[in-house]
Amino acid sequence: MDGWNKFQSSLSGLNLGQSANKFAKGFNSSVQATRERLGQVAPDEITELPQEYKDLEARVDALRQAHLALFKVTKVYENESYDYPNQIQESIAELSTNIGHGITNFAATNLKGTNLPTPSPVAPQVSQHKTLPHALGRAATNAAAALQRTPGGDEDKLGKALTVYADVFDNIASARIEQDESIQTQYLRPWQTTLSTSINVAMKARQAVRVSRLELDAAKQTLKTTGPVKQEQARLDVENAEDDLVQKTEVAITLMKTVLENPEPLKNLNELVKAQLLYFAAAAEALSSAQGEIEELSVAAEGEYRKSRDH
């Protein structure tokens, strides 16, 4: 490594202006980082950062991982079909229908006045929410309608129960949409903002500390190998690097403390729980009421069935 040290010393001594000095410092830092990574620098030659700084680093890392872990899962609330995988098939069918409507309406408009048969314009299919509650409500509605269209269908107990079930899930579906919208605005966006702003700023400040520390240790290595003529300049470089590291460390400590003391993540998490609570409470209340009605129909149907078997 003597060759590297001499090369670093020669670069440090070049008088090529501020940009050249910046390049030389960057190069020396890269060499220092490489030597440390390869285990060519003794532990006692690596500047020790304050314990407070290292403790804050660990806590910020944990906070960042906590944000990322929860965000990775809760991001599904941005896509309303997260609980209904069959929506892909429905979306394809819906797209095909809309294309067919588009072609029909195009023909209806452009074939007027020709000898070709002109189709009647058709209204495009209304887009439907692709959630499990919406799908359950639609399925129950269609099933009830099919039963009630048959002779005596108005008195069909299963048809009545399916109607109750459909009405309940229409309400639950509306609550689901309200929950998702609330989570997106009150939790997801602020949560992501914390990740991309305050935590990211603290991470950049830590990177600045790392670079400054490498520059200091590189300057110390240069001082060790510099000849008497340039000793004074090398010593000044070390002092400046020490001042820079102290300043950047203090800034990073302040920013990390600010991130860790920020109450917004707790507030955001509370909003997530509140939105979920309102949704599940609304669903539970609606289902409880419906279950009572359906149970009455079930008991009545079972009684009629047994009575018919007794005769």
Protein backbone atom coordinates (compact mmCIF):
# COMPACT_ATOMS: atom_id res chain seq x y z
CA MET A 1 0.00 0.00 0.00
CA ASP A 2 3.03 2.34 0.04
CA GLY A 3 2.43 3.02 -3.63
CA TRP A 4 -1.17 4.03 -2.92
CA ASN A 5 -0.10 6.28 -0.06
CA LYS A 6 2.50 8.02 -2.20
CA PHE A 7 -0.06 8.47 -4.96
CA GLN A 8 -2.53 9.92 -2.45
CA SER A 9 0.16 12.29 -1.14
CA SER A 10 0.98 13.47 -4.63
CA LEU A 11 -2.69 14.13 -5.38
CA SER A 12 -3.12 16.04 -2.13
CA GLY A 13 -0.16 18.23 -3.03
CA LEU A 14 -1.40 19.21 -6.48
CA ASN A 15 -2.51 22.85 -6.73
CA LEU A 16 -5.23 22.51 -9.34
CA GLY A 17 -7.96 24.50 -7.66
CA GLN A 18 -11.08 23.57 -5.71
CA SER A 19 -12.38 20.98 -8.18
CA ALA A 20 -9.05 19.15 -8.21
CA ASN A 21 -8.93 19.15 -4.40
CA LYS A 22 -12.47 17.79 -4.31
CA PHE A 23 -11.52 15.05 -6.74
CA ALA A 24 -8.43 14.19 -4.70
CA LYS A 25 -10.46 13.99 -1.48
CA GLY A 26 -13.06 11.83 -3.17
CA PHE A 27 -10.40 9.54 -4.55
CA ASN A 28 -8.64 9.27 -1.20
CA SER A 29 -11.96 8.47 0.49
CA SER A 30 -12.70 5.74 -2.05
CA VAL A 31 -9.26 4.23 -1.47
CA GLN A 32 -9.82 4.41 2.30
CA ALA A 33 -13.22 2.72 2.00
CA THR A 34 -11.75 -0.03 -0.19
CA ARG A 35 -8.87 -0.66 2.21
CA GLU A 36 -11.31 -0.88 5.16
CA ARG A 37 -13.54 -3.26 3.25
CA LEU A 38 -10.55 -5.47 2.46
CA GLY A 39 -9.41 -5.44 6.09
CA GLN A 40 -6.20 -3.53 5.33
CA VAL A 41 -6.83 -0.86 7.98
CA ALA A 42 -6.33 -1.59 11.68
CA PRO A 43 -9.44 -0.96 13.83
CA ASP A 44 -7.60 1.65 15.88
CA GLU A 45 -6.93 3.63 12.68
CA ILE A 46 -10.66 4.05 12.01
CA THR A 47 -12.13 7.11 13.70
CA GLU A 48 -14.68 6.09 16.31
CA LEU A 49 -18.01 7.91 16.09
CA PRO A 50 -19.82 8.95 19.30
CA GLN A 51 -21.87 6.22 20.99
CA GLU A 52 -24.91 8.51 20.92
CA TYR A 53 -24.59 8.69 17.14
CA LYS A 54 -24.32 4.91 16.77
CA ASP A 55 -27.32 4.34 19.04
CA LEU A 56 -29.39 6.80 17.03
CA GLU A 57 -28.27 5.08 13.82
CA ALA A 58 -29.59 1.77 15.09
CA ARG A 59 -32.90 3.29 16.13
CA VAL A 60 -33.40 5.10 12.81
CA ASP A 61 -32.59 1.90 10.93
CA ALA A 62 -35.23 0.07 12.98
CA LEU A 63 -37.76 2.86 12.38
CA ARG A 64 -37.11 2.77 8.65
CA GLN A 65 -37.50 -1.02 8.53
CA ALA A 66 -40.75 -0.75 10.51
CA HIS A 67 -42.11 1.77 8.01
CA LEU A 68 -41.06 -0.34 5.03
CA ALA A 69 -42.43 -3.59 6.47
CA LEU A 70 -45.89 -2.20 7.18
CA PHE A 71 -46.00 -0.09 4.01
CA LYS A 72 -45.19 -3.13 1.86
CA VAL A 73 -48.37 -4.86 3.06
CA THR A 74 -50.75 -1.92 3.55
CA LYS A 75 -49.96 -0.60 0.07
CA VAL A 76 -52.62 -3.05 -1.15
CA TYR A 77 -55.23 -0.52 -0.01
CA GLU A 78 -54.31 1.53 -3.09
CA ASN A 79 -55.89 -1.20 -5.24
CA GLU A 80 -59.53 -1.83 -4.35
CA SER A 81 -59.51 -5.39 -5.76
CA TYR A 82 -56.97 -6.66 -3.21
CA ASP A 83 -59.49 -9.13 -1.76
CA TYR A 84 -61.05 -10.23 -5.04
CA PRO A 85 -58.66 -11.98 -7.47
CA ASN A 86 -61.52 -12.89 -9.85
CA GLN A 87 -61.69 -9.22 -10.82
CA ILE A 88 -59.11 -9.90 -13.56
CA GLN A 89 -61.58 -12.10 -15.48
CA GLU A 90 -64.39 -9.60 -14.88
CA SER A 91 -62.22 -6.71 -16.07
CA ILE A 92 -61.34 -8.56 -19.29
CA ALA A 93 -65.01 -9.35 -19.93
CA GLU A 94 -65.94 -5.76 -19.16
CA LEU A 95 -63.26 -4.47 -21.54
CA SER A 96 -64.48 -6.79 -24.32
CA THR A 97 -68.06 -5.59 -23.81
CA ASN A 98 -67.00 -1.93 -23.92
CA ILE A 99 -65.04 -2.50 -27.12
CA GLY A 100 -68.14 -4.15 -28.64
CA HIS A 101 -70.26 -1.17 -27.57
CA GLY A 102 -67.71 1.19 -29.07
CA ILE A 103 -67.77 -0.59 -32.43
CA THR A 104 -71.58 -0.70 -32.45
CA ASN A 105 -71.88 3.01 -31.67
CA PHE A 106 -69.25 3.86 -34.27
CA ALA A 107 -71.24 1.94 -36.87
CA ALA A 108 -74.50 3.54 -35.75
CA THR A 109 -73.00 6.98 -36.29
CA ASN A 110 -71.07 6.43 -39.50
CA LEU A 111 -73.41 4.13 -41.46
CA LYS A 112 -76.31 6.55 -41.48
CA GLY A 113 -77.39 7.40 -45.01
CA THR A 114 -75.79 4.33 -46.53
CA ASN A 115 -77.36 1.17 -47.91
CA LEU A 116 -75.81 -0.86 -45.11
CA PRO A 117 -77.90 -1.86 -42.07
CA THR A 118 -77.43 0.64 -39.26
CA PRO A 119 -77.33 -0.75 -35.71
CA SER A 120 -78.98 1.11 -32.87
CA PRO A 121 -76.65 2.94 -30.45
CA VAL A 122 -76.15 1.20 -27.12
CA ALA A 123 -75.21 2.61 -23.74
CA PRO A 124 -71.77 1.57 -22.45
CA GLN A 125 -71.67 -0.81 -19.50
CA VAL A 126 -71.38 0.96 -16.17
CA SER A 127 -68.06 0.20 -14.49
CA GLN A 128 -68.46 -1.82 -11.29
CA HIS A 129 -66.35 -1.87 -8.15
CA LYS A 130 -64.09 -4.93 -8.07
CA THR A 131 -64.16 -5.82 -4.37
CA LEU A 132 -65.28 -8.99 -2.62
CA PRO A 133 -68.20 -7.27 -0.79
CA HIS A 134 -69.42 -5.76 -4.07
CA ALA A 135 -69.10 -9.12 -5.83
CA LEU A 136 -70.97 -10.93 -3.05
CA GLY A 137 -73.75 -8.35 -3.18
CA ARG A 138 -74.08 -8.65 -6.97
CA ALA A 139 -74.02 -12.46 -6.85
CA ALA A 140 -76.68 -12.58 -4.13
CA THR A 141 -78.86 -10.08 -6.01
CA ASN A 142 -78.69 -12.11 -9.20
CA ALA A 143 -79.33 -15.37 -7.34
CA ALA A 144 -82.37 -13.92 -5.53
CA ALA A 145 -83.76 -12.51 -8.78
CA ALA A 146 -83.42 -15.89 -10.48
CA LEU A 147 -85.39 -17.61 -7.72
CA GLN A 148 -88.05 -14.92 -7.52
CA ARG A 149 -88.75 -15.00 -11.27
CA THR A 150 -90.10 -18.55 -10.96
CA PRO A 151 -93.78 -19.30 -10.18
CA GLY A 152 -94.34 -18.66 -6.49
CA GLY A 153 -90.86 -17.22 -6.25
CA ASP A 154 -92.02 -14.23 -4.21
CA GLU A 155 -92.58 -16.58 -1.28
CA ASP A 156 -89.30 -18.48 -1.71
CA LYS A 157 -87.48 -18.29 1.61
CA LEU A 158 -84.03 -18.75 0.09
CA GLY A 159 -84.78 -15.94 -2.32
CA LYS A 160 -85.81 -13.72 0.60
CA ALA A 161 -82.65 -14.65 2.52
CA LEU A 162 -80.48 -13.89 -0.50
CA THR A 163 -82.17 -10.50 -0.85
CA VAL A 164 -81.34 -9.72 2.78
CA TYR A 165 -77.78 -10.91 2.22
CA ALA A 166 -77.45 -8.78 -0.92
CA ASP A 167 -78.73 -5.65 0.86
CA VAL A 168 -76.28 -6.20 3.72
CA PHE A 169 -73.31 -6.55 1.40
CA ASP A 170 -74.31 -3.46 -0.53
CA ASN A 171 -73.89 -1.56 2.75
CA ILE A 172 -70.68 -3.39 3.63
CA ALA A 173 -69.29 -2.64 0.15
CA SER A 174 -69.90 1.08 0.65
CA ALA A 175 -68.15 0.91 4.02
CA ARG A 176 -65.23 -0.90 2.35
CA ILE A 177 -64.75 1.92 -0.15
CA GLU A 178 -64.91 4.51 2.66
CA GLN A 179 -62.32 2.54 4.63
CA ASP A 180 -59.91 2.34 1.70
CA GLU A 181 -60.23 6.04 0.89
CA SER A 182 -59.61 6.97 4.52
CA ILE A 183 -56.56 4.69 4.74
CA GLN A 184 -55.12 6.13 1.54
CA THR A 185 -55.41 9.77 2.67
CA GLN A 186 -54.92 9.49 6.43
CA TYR A 187 -52.35 6.71 6.60
CA LEU A 188 -50.67 5.65 3.35
CA ARG A 189 -49.73 9.08 1.98
CA PRO A 190 -48.43 10.50 5.28
CA TRP A 191 -46.61 7.22 6.02
CA GLN A 192 -44.89 7.35 2.63
CA THR A 193 -44.09 11.04 3.14
CA THR A 194 -42.27 10.21 6.36
CA LEU A 195 -40.24 7.61 4.48
CA SER A 196 -39.37 9.87 1.58
CA THR A 197 -38.70 13.06 3.53
CA SER A 198 -37.65 13.05 7.19
CA ILE A 199 -36.22 9.51 7.29
CA ASN A 200 -34.56 9.98 3.90
CA VAL A 201 -33.04 13.30 5.00
CA ALA A 202 -31.60 11.61 8.10
CA MET A 203 -30.17 8.81 5.94
CA LYS A 204 -28.49 11.37 3.67
CA ALA A 205 -27.02 13.14 6.70
CA ARG A 206 -25.60 9.81 7.88
CA GLN A 207 -24.07 9.25 4.46
CA ALA A 208 -22.46 12.68 4.72
CA VAL A 209 -20.99 11.62 8.10
CA ARG A 210 -19.63 8.43 6.56
CA VAL A 211 -17.96 10.35 3.72
CA SER A 212 -16.55 12.91 6.16
CA ARG A 213 -15.17 10.16 8.39
CA LEU A 214 -13.49 8.49 5.42
CA GLU A 215 -12.00 11.82 4.36
CA LEU A 216 -10.62 12.33 7.87
CA ASP A 217 -9.05 8.88 8.05
CA ALA A 218 -7.66 9.28 4.54
CA ALA A 219 -6.15 12.63 5.57
CA LYS A 220 -4.59 10.96 8.63
CA GLN A 221 -3.04 8.29 6.40
CA THR A 222 -1.70 11.01 4.10
CA LEU A 223 -0.20 12.85 7.09
CA LYS A 224 1.68 9.71 8.10
CA THR A 225 3.34 9.38 4.70
CA THR A 226 3.87 13.06 3.83
CA GLY A 227 7.40 14.45 3.77
CA PRO A 228 8.58 17.33 5.99
CA VAL A 229 7.95 19.95 3.30
CA LYS A 230 4.21 19.28 3.16
CA GLN A 231 3.67 18.23 6.77
CA GLU A 232 2.04 21.53 7.74
CA GLN A 233 -0.52 21.40 4.91
CA ALA A 234 -1.30 17.75 5.67
CA ARG A 235 -1.81 18.64 9.33
CA LEU A 236 -4.19 21.46 8.37
CA ASP A 237 -6.11 19.01 6.15
CA VAL A 238 -6.57 16.69 9.12
CA GLU A 239 -7.77 19.52 11.36
CA ASN A 240 -10.24 20.71 8.71
CA ALA A 241 -11.48 17.16 8.22
CA GLU A 242 -11.95 16.76 11.97
CA ASP A 243 -13.97 19.99 12.14
CA ASP A 244 -16.06 18.86 9.18
CA LEU A 245 -16.79 15.48 10.77
CA VAL A 246 -17.79 17.06 14.07
CA GLN A 247 -20.15 19.46 12.29
CA LYS A 248 -21.74 16.78 10.11
CA THR A 249 -22.09 14.41 13.06
CA GLU A 250 -23.92 17.06 15.08
CA VAL A 251 -26.25 17.77 12.15
CA ALA A 252 -26.98 14.06 11.69
CA ILE A 253 -27.64 13.58 15.41
CA THR A 254 -30.12 16.48 15.37
CA LEU A 255 -31.92 15.15 12.28
CA MET A 256 -32.09 11.59 13.63
CA LYS A 257 -33.50 12.82 16.95
CA THR A 258 -36.10 14.83 15.05
CA VAL A 259 -37.14 11.75 13.09
CA LEU A 260 -37.37 9.58 16.20
CA GLU A 261 -39.35 12.19 18.16
CA ASN A 262 -41.80 12.81 15.32
CA PRO A 263 -45.33 11.82 16.51
CA GLU A 264 -46.70 11.52 12.96
CA PRO A 265 -46.09 7.76 12.53
CA LEU A 266 -48.17 7.01 15.65
CA LYS A 267 -50.86 9.39 14.45
CA ASN A 268 -50.86 7.70 11.02
CA LEU A 269 -51.06 4.22 12.56
CA ASN A 270 -53.97 5.35 14.69
CA GLU A 271 -55.77 6.52 11.55
CA LEU A 272 -55.19 3.11 9.96
CA VAL A 273 -56.65 1.31 12.98
CA LYS A 274 -59.55 3.77 13.20
CA ALA A 275 -60.50 3.23 9.55
CA GLN A 276 -60.32 -0.54 9.94
CA LEU A 277 -62.34 -0.42 13.16
CA LEU A 278 -65.12 1.63 11.56
CA TYR A 279 -65.29 -0.76 8.61
CA PHE A 280 -65.29 -3.98 10.62
CA ALA A 281 -67.76 -2.54 13.14
CA ALA A 282 -70.14 -1.53 10.32
CA ALA A 283 -69.73 -4.97 8.73
CA ALA A 284 -70.32 -6.76 12.04
CA GLU A 285 -73.44 -4.72 12.81
CA ALA A 286 -74.89 -5.28 9.33
CA LEU A 287 -74.12 -9.01 9.34
CA SER A 288 -75.52 -9.43 12.85
CA SER A 289 -78.84 -7.92 11.80
CA ALA A 290 -78.96 -9.98 8.60
CA GLN A 291 -78.04 -13.19 10.38
CA GLY A 292 -81.04 -12.77 12.69
CA GLU A 293 -83.43 -12.40 9.74
CA ILE A 294 -81.86 -15.29 7.82
CA GLU A 295 -81.96 -17.51 10.89
CA GLU A 296 -85.71 -16.87 11.26
CA LEU A 297 -86.21 -17.86 7.62
CA SER A 298 -84.02 -20.93 8.16
CA VAL A 299 -85.97 -22.04 11.24
CA ALA A 300 -89.27 -21.49 9.44
CA ALA A 301 -88.11 -23.46 6.40
CA GLU A 302 -86.89 -26.34 8.57
CA GLY A 303 -90.21 -26.40 10.46
CA GLU A 304 -92.17 -26.53 7.22
CA TYR A 305 -89.91 -29.30 5.91
CA ARG A 306 -90.36 -31.47 9.01
CA LYS A 307 -94.10 -30.82 9.05
CA SER A 308 -94.37 -31.95 5.44
CA ARG A 309 -92.53 -35.16 6.30
CA ASP A 310 -94.83 -35.96 9.20
CA HIS A 311 -97.84 -36.31 6.92
